[in-house]
Amino acid sequence: TTTFTLADRVPVSENKDIRVDKISITPQV
């Protein structure tokens, strides 16, 4: 058995002309 942390990223816009939405993450976090 092994234990670990999985990490990933969704983009975050710092520009008002770029929008990130409809984010869906499974399993939910």
PDB file of all heavy atoms in Angstrom:
ATOM      1  N   THR A   1       0.853  -1.184   0.000  1.00  0.00           N
ATOM      2  CA  THR A   1       0.000   0.000   0.000  1.00  0.00           C
ATOM      3  C   THR A   1       0.891   1.237   0.000  1.00  0.00           C
ATOM      4  O   THR A   1       1.920   1.266   0.659  1.00  0.00           O
ATOM      5  CB  THR A   1      -0.908  -0.007   1.238  1.00  0.00           C
ATOM      6  OG1 THR A   1      -1.756  -1.157   1.172  1.00  0.00           O
ATOM      7  CG2 THR A   1      -1.769   1.240   1.311  1.00  0.00           C
ATOM      8  N   THR A   2       0.495   2.238  -0.753  1.00  0.00           N
ATOM      9  CA  THR A   2       1.280   3.475  -0.813  1.00  0.00           C
ATOM     10  C   THR A   2       0.389   4.690  -0.556  1.00  0.00           C
ATOM     11  O   THR A   2      -0.795   4.682  -0.902  1.00  0.00           O
ATOM     12  CB  THR A   2       2.008   3.614  -2.175  1.00  0.00           C
ATOM     13  OG1 THR A   2       2.866   4.737  -2.139  1.00  0.00           O
ATOM     14  CG2 THR A   2       1.037   3.763  -3.318  1.00  0.00           C
ATOM     15  N   THR A   3       0.953   5.692   0.102  1.00  0.00           N
ATOM     16  CA  THR A   3       0.250   6.929   0.411  1.00  0.00           C
ATOM     17  C   THR A   3       1.029   8.083  -0.202  1.00  0.00           C
ATOM     18  O   THR A   3       2.251   8.135  -0.095  1.00  0.00           O
ATOM     19  CB  THR A   3       0.149   7.120   1.939  1.00  0.00           C
ATOM     20  OG1 THR A   3      -0.563   6.008   2.483  1.00  0.00           O
ATOM     21  CG2 THR A   3      -0.578   8.392   2.291  1.00  0.00           C
ATOM     22  N   PHE A   4       0.307   8.985  -0.864  1.00  0.00           N
ATOM     23  CA  PHE A   4       0.967  10.123  -1.506  1.00  0.00           C
ATOM     24  C   PHE A   4      -0.051  11.235  -1.733  1.00  0.00           C
ATOM     25  O   PHE A   4      -1.246  11.060  -1.532  1.00  0.00           O
ATOM     26  CB  PHE A   4       1.605   9.707  -2.837  1.00  0.00           C
ATOM     27  CG  PHE A   4       0.631   9.146  -3.829  1.00  0.00           C
ATOM     28  CD1 PHE A   4       0.101   9.952  -4.819  1.00  0.00           C
ATOM     29  CD2 PHE A   4       0.227   7.818  -3.770  1.00  0.00           C
ATOM     30  CE1 PHE A   4      -0.810   9.438  -5.732  1.00  0.00           C
ATOM     31  CE2 PHE A   4      -0.666   7.293  -4.679  1.00  0.00           C
ATOM     32  CZ  PHE A   4      -1.191   8.111  -5.663  1.00  0.00           C
ATOM     33  N   THR A   5       0.445  12.389  -2.151  1.00  0.00           N
ATOM     34  CA  THR A   5      -0.402  13.525  -2.492  1.00  0.00           C
ATOM     35  C   THR A   5      -0.292  13.779  -3.983  1.00  0.00           C
ATOM     36  O   THR A   5       0.811  13.909  -4.516  1.00  0.00           O
ATOM     37  CB  THR A   5       0.028  14.793  -1.716  1.00  0.00           C
ATOM     38  OG1 THR A   5      -0.091  14.545  -0.319  1.00  0.00           O
ATOM     39  CG2 THR A   5      -0.829  15.982  -2.092  1.00  0.00           C
ATOM     40  N   LEU A   6      -1.439  13.828  -4.652  1.00  0.00           N
ATOM     41  CA  LEU A   6      -1.498  14.162  -6.061  1.00  0.00           C
ATOM     42  C   LEU A   6      -1.859  15.646  -6.155  1.00  0.00           C
ATOM     43  O   LEU A   6      -2.778  16.096  -5.472  1.00  0.00           O
ATOM     44  CB  LEU A   6      -2.562  13.321  -6.768  1.00  0.00           C
ATOM     45  CG  LEU A   6      -2.817  13.627  -8.241  1.00  0.00           C
ATOM     46  CD1 LEU A   6      -1.580  13.292  -9.079  1.00  0.00           C
ATOM     47  CD2 LEU A   6      -4.026  12.859  -8.744  1.00  0.00           C
ATOM     48  N   ALA A   7      -1.130  16.393  -6.969  1.00  0.00           N
ATOM     49  CA  ALA A   7      -1.401  17.826  -7.122  1.00  0.00           C
ATOM     50  C   ALA A   7      -1.537  18.159  -8.600  1.00  0.00           C
ATOM     51  O   ALA A   7      -0.866  17.571  -9.445  1.00  0.00           O
ATOM     52  CB  ALA A   7      -0.282  18.642  -6.494  1.00  0.00           C
ATOM     53  N   ASP A   8      -2.412  19.099  -8.885  1.00  0.00           N
ATOM     54  CA  ASP A   8      -2.590  19.597 -10.250  1.00  0.00           C
ATOM     55  C   ASP A   8      -3.057  21.035 -10.123  1.00  0.00           C
ATOM     56  O   ASP A   8      -3.144  21.576  -9.024  1.00  0.00           O
ATOM     57  CB  ASP A   8      -3.598  18.742 -11.015  1.00  0.00           C
ATOM     58  CG  ASP A   8      -3.300  18.720 -12.513  1.00  0.00           C
ATOM     59  OD1 ASP A   8      -2.873  19.760 -13.058  1.00  0.00           O
ATOM     60  OD2 ASP A   8      -3.488  17.671 -13.126  1.00  0.00           O
ATOM     61  N   ARG A   9      -3.384  21.651 -11.243  1.00  0.00           N
ATOM     62  CA  ARG A   9      -3.760  23.059 -11.204  1.00  0.00           C
ATOM     63  C   ARG A   9      -4.790  23.364 -12.280  1.00  0.00           C
ATOM     64  O   ARG A   9      -4.759  22.803 -13.365  1.00  0.00           O
ATOM     65  CB  ARG A   9      -2.506  23.900 -11.425  1.00  0.00           C
ATOM     66  CG  ARG A   9      -2.766  25.347 -11.724  1.00  0.00           C
ATOM     67  CD  ARG A   9      -1.490  26.127 -11.850  1.00  0.00           C
ATOM     68  NE  ARG A   9      -1.250  26.700 -10.543  1.00  0.00           N
ATOM     69  CZ  ARG A   9      -0.069  27.073 -10.105  1.00  0.00           C
ATOM     70  NH1 ARG A   9       0.982  26.938 -10.840  1.00  0.00           N
ATOM     71  NH2 ARG A   9       0.046  27.602  -8.903  1.00  0.00           N
ATOM     72  N   VAL A  10      -5.709  24.277 -11.941  1.00  0.00           N
ATOM     73  CA  VAL A  10      -6.588  24.875 -12.943  1.00  0.00           C
ATOM     74  C   VAL A  10      -6.110  26.317 -13.099  1.00  0.00           C
ATOM     75  O   VAL A  10      -5.614  26.919 -12.151  1.00  0.00           O
ATOM     76  CB  VAL A  10      -8.084  24.833 -12.542  1.00  0.00           C
ATOM     77  CG1 VAL A  10      -8.606  23.423 -12.533  1.00  0.00           C
ATOM     78  CG2 VAL A  10      -8.331  25.506 -11.219  1.00  0.00           C
ATOM     79  N   PRO A  11      -6.230  26.886 -14.295  1.00  0.00           N
ATOM     80  CA  PRO A  11      -5.731  28.251 -14.479  1.00  0.00           C
ATOM     81  C   PRO A  11      -6.553  29.265 -13.699  1.00  0.00           C
ATOM     82  O   PRO A  11      -7.754  29.087 -13.488  1.00  0.00           O
ATOM     83  CB  PRO A  11      -5.850  28.478 -15.981  1.00  0.00           C
ATOM     84  CG  PRO A  11      -6.815  27.466 -16.471  1.00  0.00           C
ATOM     85  CD  PRO A  11      -6.776  26.320 -15.520  1.00  0.00           C
ATOM     86  N   VAL A  12      -5.881  30.322 -13.275  1.00  0.00           N
ATOM     87  CA  VAL A  12      -6.524  31.447 -12.601  1.00  0.00           C
ATOM     88  C   VAL A  12      -6.130  32.690 -13.390  1.00  0.00           C
ATOM     89  O   VAL A  12      -4.945  32.978 -13.539  1.00  0.00           O
ATOM     90  CB  VAL A  12      -6.062  31.564 -11.135  1.00  0.00           C
ATOM     91  CG1 VAL A  12      -6.617  32.825 -10.494  1.00  0.00           C
ATOM     92  CG2 VAL A  12      -6.462  30.332 -10.348  1.00  0.00           C
ATOM     93  N   SER A  13      -7.102  33.399 -13.908  1.00  0.00           N
ATOM     94  CA  SER A  13      -6.819  34.573 -14.728  1.00  0.00           C
ATOM     95  C   SER A  13      -6.504  35.790 -13.869  1.00  0.00           C
ATOM     96  O   SER A  13      -7.197  36.075 -12.893  1.00  0.00           O
ATOM     97  CB  SER A  13      -8.007  34.888 -15.634  1.00  0.00           C
ATOM     98  OG  SER A  13      -7.757  36.073 -16.357  1.00  0.00           O
ATOM     99  N   GLU A  14      -5.470  36.494 -14.253  1.00  0.00           N
ATOM    100  CA  GLU A  14      -5.138  37.773 -13.616  1.00  0.00           C
ATOM    101  C   GLU A  14      -5.450  38.928 -14.561  1.00  0.00           C
ATOM    102  O   GLU A  14      -5.126  40.065 -14.282  1.00  0.00           O
ATOM    103  CB  GLU A  14      -3.669  37.786 -13.214  1.00  0.00           C
ATOM    104  CG  GLU A  14      -3.353  36.761 -12.151  1.00  0.00           C
ATOM    105  CD  GLU A  14      -1.892  36.766 -11.747  1.00  0.00           C
ATOM    106  OE1 GLU A  14      -1.107  37.579 -12.292  1.00  0.00           O
ATOM    107  OE2 GLU A  14      -1.531  35.965 -10.887  1.00  0.00           O
ATOM    108  N   ASN A  15      -6.097  38.598 -15.682  1.00  0.00           N
ATOM    109  CA  ASN A  15      -6.443  39.571 -16.695  1.00  0.00           C
ATOM    110  C   ASN A  15      -7.971  39.592 -16.832  1.00  0.00           C
ATOM    111  O   ASN A  15      -8.583  38.548 -17.064  1.00  0.00           O
ATOM    112  CB  ASN A  15      -5.789  39.166 -18.024  1.00  0.00           C
ATOM    113  CG  ASN A  15      -6.050  40.131 -19.140  1.00  0.00           C
ATOM    114  OD1 ASN A  15      -7.106  40.740 -19.235  1.00  0.00           O
ATOM    115  ND2 ASN A  15      -5.065  40.263 -20.017  1.00  0.00           N
ATOM    116  N   LYS A  16      -8.568  40.778 -16.716  1.00  0.00           N
ATOM    117  CA  LYS A  16     -10.043  40.861 -16.751  1.00  0.00           C
ATOM    118  C   LYS A  16     -10.630  40.463 -18.104  1.00  0.00           C
ATOM    119  O   LYS A  16     -11.805  40.137 -18.202  1.00  0.00           O
ATOM    120  CB  LYS A  16     -10.516  42.250 -16.358  1.00  0.00           C
ATOM    121  CG  LYS A  16     -10.123  43.347 -17.327  1.00  0.00           C
ATOM    122  CD  LYS A  16     -10.623  44.700 -16.852  1.00  0.00           C
ATOM    123  CE  LYS A  16     -10.109  45.793 -17.762  1.00  0.00           C
ATOM    124  NZ  LYS A  16     -10.938  46.069 -18.880  1.00  0.00           N
ATOM    125  N   ASP A  17      -9.808  40.433 -19.145  1.00  0.00           N
ATOM    126  CA  ASP A  17     -10.287  40.044 -20.470  1.00  0.00           C
ATOM    127  C   ASP A  17     -10.241  38.540 -20.706  1.00  0.00           C
ATOM    128  O   ASP A  17     -10.685  38.056 -21.741  1.00  0.00           O
ATOM    129  CB  ASP A  17      -9.474  40.748 -21.557  1.00  0.00           C
ATOM    130  CG  ASP A  17      -9.681  42.254 -21.540  1.00  0.00           C
ATOM    131  OD1 ASP A  17     -10.801  42.696 -21.185  1.00  0.00           O
ATOM    132  OD2 ASP A  17      -8.733  42.993 -21.874  1.00  0.00           O
ATOM    133  N   ILE A  18      -9.673  37.809 -19.763  1.00  0.00           N
ATOM    134  CA  ILE A  18      -9.592  36.348 -19.860  1.00  0.00           C
ATOM    135  C   ILE A  18     -10.393  35.766 -18.704  1.00  0.00           C
ATOM    136  O   ILE A  18     -10.157  36.106 -17.549  1.00  0.00           O
ATOM    137  CB  ILE A  18      -8.134  35.852 -19.788  1.00  0.00           C
ATOM    138  CG1 ILE A  18      -7.325  36.456 -20.933  1.00  0.00           C
ATOM    139  CG2 ILE A  18      -8.083  34.330 -19.818  1.00  0.00           C
ATOM    140  CD1 ILE A  18      -5.846  36.201 -20.851  1.00  0.00           C
ATOM    141  N   ARG A  19     -11.357  34.907 -19.032  1.00  0.00           N
ATOM    142  CA  ARG A  19     -12.239  34.336 -18.009  1.00  0.00           C
ATOM    143  C   ARG A  19     -12.118  32.811 -18.000  1.00  0.00           C
ATOM    144  O   ARG A  19     -12.142  32.179 -19.061  1.00  0.00           O
ATOM    145  CB  ARG A  19     -13.679  34.754 -18.297  1.00  0.00           C
ATOM    146  CG  ARG A  19     -14.571  34.680 -17.093  1.00  0.00           C
ATOM    147  CD  ARG A  19     -15.910  35.282 -17.359  1.00  0.00           C
ATOM    148  NE  ARG A  19     -16.652  34.354 -18.218  1.00  0.00           N
ATOM    149  CZ  ARG A  19     -17.628  34.706 -19.025  1.00  0.00           C
ATOM    150  NH1 ARG A  19     -17.994  35.954 -19.120  1.00  0.00           N
ATOM    151  NH2 ARG A  19     -18.246  33.808 -19.766  1.00  0.00           N
ATOM    152  N   VAL A  20     -11.974  32.243 -16.814  1.00  0.00           N
ATOM    153  CA  VAL A  20     -11.946  30.792 -16.646  1.00  0.00           C
ATOM    154  C   VAL A  20     -13.205  30.428 -15.866  1.00  0.00           C
ATOM    155  O   VAL A  20     -13.430  30.930 -14.764  1.00  0.00           O
ATOM    156  CB  VAL A  20     -10.693  30.326 -15.865  1.00  0.00           C
ATOM    157  CG1 VAL A  20     -10.704  28.829 -15.677  1.00  0.00           C
ATOM    158  CG2 VAL A  20      -9.428  30.781 -16.576  1.00  0.00           C
ATOM    159  N   ASP A  21     -14.042  29.555 -16.454  1.00  0.00           N
ATOM    160  CA  ASP A  21     -15.261  29.149 -15.760  1.00  0.00           C
ATOM    161  C   ASP A  21     -15.639  27.727 -16.158  1.00  0.00           C
ATOM    162  O   ASP A  21     -14.867  27.038 -16.810  1.00  0.00           O
ATOM    163  CB  ASP A  21     -16.415  30.128 -16.008  1.00  0.00           C
ATOM    164  CG  ASP A  21     -16.793  30.274 -17.480  1.00  0.00           C
ATOM    165  OD1 ASP A  21     -16.189  29.609 -18.334  1.00  0.00           O
ATOM    166  OD2 ASP A  21     -17.711  31.067 -17.771  1.00  0.00           O
ATOM    167  N   LYS A  22     -16.809  27.313 -15.735  1.00  0.00           N
ATOM    168  CA  LYS A  22     -17.295  25.939 -15.967  1.00  0.00           C
ATOM    169  C   LYS A  22     -16.269  24.908 -15.494  1.00  0.00           C
ATOM    170  O   LYS A  22     -15.994  23.924 -16.173  1.00  0.00           O
ATOM    171  CB  LYS A  22     -17.668  25.724 -17.429  1.00  0.00           C
ATOM    172  CG  LYS A  22     -18.797  26.620 -17.889  1.00  0.00           C
ATOM    173  CD  LYS A  22     -19.214  26.337 -19.300  1.00  0.00           C
ATOM    174  CE  LYS A  22     -20.325  27.283 -19.724  1.00  0.00           C
ATOM    175  NZ  LYS A  22     -20.696  27.130 -21.118  1.00  0.00           N
ATOM    176  N   ILE A  23     -15.718  25.151 -14.319  1.00  0.00           N
ATOM    177  CA  ILE A  23     -14.712  24.250 -13.749  1.00  0.00           C
ATOM    178  C   ILE A  23     -15.410  23.028 -13.170  1.00  0.00           C
ATOM    179  O   ILE A  23     -16.360  23.141 -12.408  1.00  0.00           O
ATOM    180  CB  ILE A  23     -13.888  24.970 -12.665  1.00  0.00           C
ATOM    181  CG1 ILE A  23     -13.130  26.140 -13.288  1.00  0.00           C
ATOM    182  CG2 ILE A  23     -12.936  24.006 -11.974  1.00  0.00           C
ATOM    183  CD1 ILE A  23     -12.447  27.051 -12.288  1.00  0.00           C
ATOM    184  N   SER A  24     -14.935  21.852 -13.566  1.00  0.00           N
ATOM    185  CA  SER A  24     -15.479  20.587 -13.075  1.00  0.00           C
ATOM    186  C   SER A  24     -14.314  19.699 -12.668  1.00  0.00           C
ATOM    187  O   SER A  24     -13.426  19.427 -13.478  1.00  0.00           O
ATOM    188  CB  SER A  24     -16.298  19.917 -14.177  1.00  0.00           C
ATOM    189  OG  SER A  24     -16.676  18.619 -13.791  1.00  0.00           O
ATOM    190  N   ILE A  25     -14.317  19.269 -11.403  1.00  0.00           N
ATOM    191  CA  ILE A  25     -13.226  18.459 -10.867  1.00  0.00           C
ATOM    192  C   ILE A  25     -13.820  17.205 -10.237  1.00  0.00           C
ATOM    193  O   ILE A  25     -14.709  17.285  -9.400  1.00  0.00           O
ATOM    194  CB  ILE A  25     -12.432  19.249  -9.810  1.00  0.00           C
ATOM    195  CG1 ILE A  25     -11.897  20.541 -10.442  1.00  0.00           C
ATOM    196  CG2 ILE A  25     -11.309  18.408  -9.232  1.00  0.00           C
ATOM    197  CD1 ILE A  25     -11.408  21.551  -9.438  1.00  0.00           C
ATOM    198  N   THR A  26     -13.321  16.036 -10.664  1.00  0.00           N
ATOM    199  CA  THR A  26     -13.803  14.762 -10.139  1.00  0.00           C
ATOM    200  C   THR A  26     -12.622  13.888  -9.758  1.00  0.00           C
ATOM    201  O   THR A  26     -11.759  13.669 -10.608  1.00  0.00           O
ATOM    202  CB  THR A  26     -14.654  14.029 -11.202  1.00  0.00           C
ATOM    203  OG1 THR A  26     -15.668  14.913 -11.672  1.00  0.00           O
ATOM    204  CG2 THR A  26     -15.275  12.779 -10.643  1.00  0.00           C
ATOM    205  N   PRO A  27     -12.540  13.369  -8.547  1.00  0.00           N
ATOM    206  CA  PRO A  27     -13.408  13.624  -7.398  1.00  0.00           C
ATOM    207  C   PRO A  27     -13.297  15.083  -6.951  1.00  0.00           C
ATOM    208  O   PRO A  27     -12.259  15.706  -7.091  1.00  0.00           O
ATOM    209  CB  PRO A  27     -12.902  12.686  -6.313  1.00  0.00           C
ATOM    210  CG  PRO A  27     -11.664  12.055  -6.815  1.00  0.00           C
ATOM    211  CD  PRO A  27     -11.472  12.435  -8.222  1.00  0.00           C
ATOM    212  N   GLN A  28     -14.419  15.563  -6.425  1.00  0.00           N
ATOM    213  CA  GLN A  28     -14.564  16.972  -6.077  1.00  0.00           C
ATOM    214  C   GLN A  28     -13.531  17.417  -5.049  1.00  0.00           C
ATOM    215  O   GLN A  28     -13.332  16.777  -4.024  1.00  0.00           O
ATOM    216  CB  GLN A  28     -15.960  17.210  -5.507  1.00  0.00           C
ATOM    217  CG  GLN A  28     -16.226  18.636  -5.150  1.00  0.00           C
ATOM    218  CD  GLN A  28     -17.228  19.280  -6.055  1.00  0.00           C
ATOM    219  OE1 GLN A  28     -17.926  18.604  -6.773  1.00  0.00           O
ATOM    220  NE2 GLN A  28     -17.314  20.578  -6.009  1.00  0.00           N
ATOM    221  N   VAL A  29     -12.869  18.513  -5.359  1.00  0.00           N
ATOM    222  CA  VAL A  29     -11.957  19.188  -4.441  1.00  0.00           C
ATOM    223  C   VAL A  29     -11.944  20.654  -4.865  1.00  0.00           C
ATOM    224  O   VAL A  29     -12.120  20.961  -6.043  1.00  0.00           O
ATOM    225  CB  VAL A  29     -10.537  18.562  -4.467  1.00  0.00           C
ATOM    226  CG1 VAL A  29      -9.865  18.767  -5.791  1.00  0.00           C
ATOM    227  CG2 VAL A  29      -9.680  19.084  -3.356  1.00  0.00           C
TER     228      VAL A  29
END
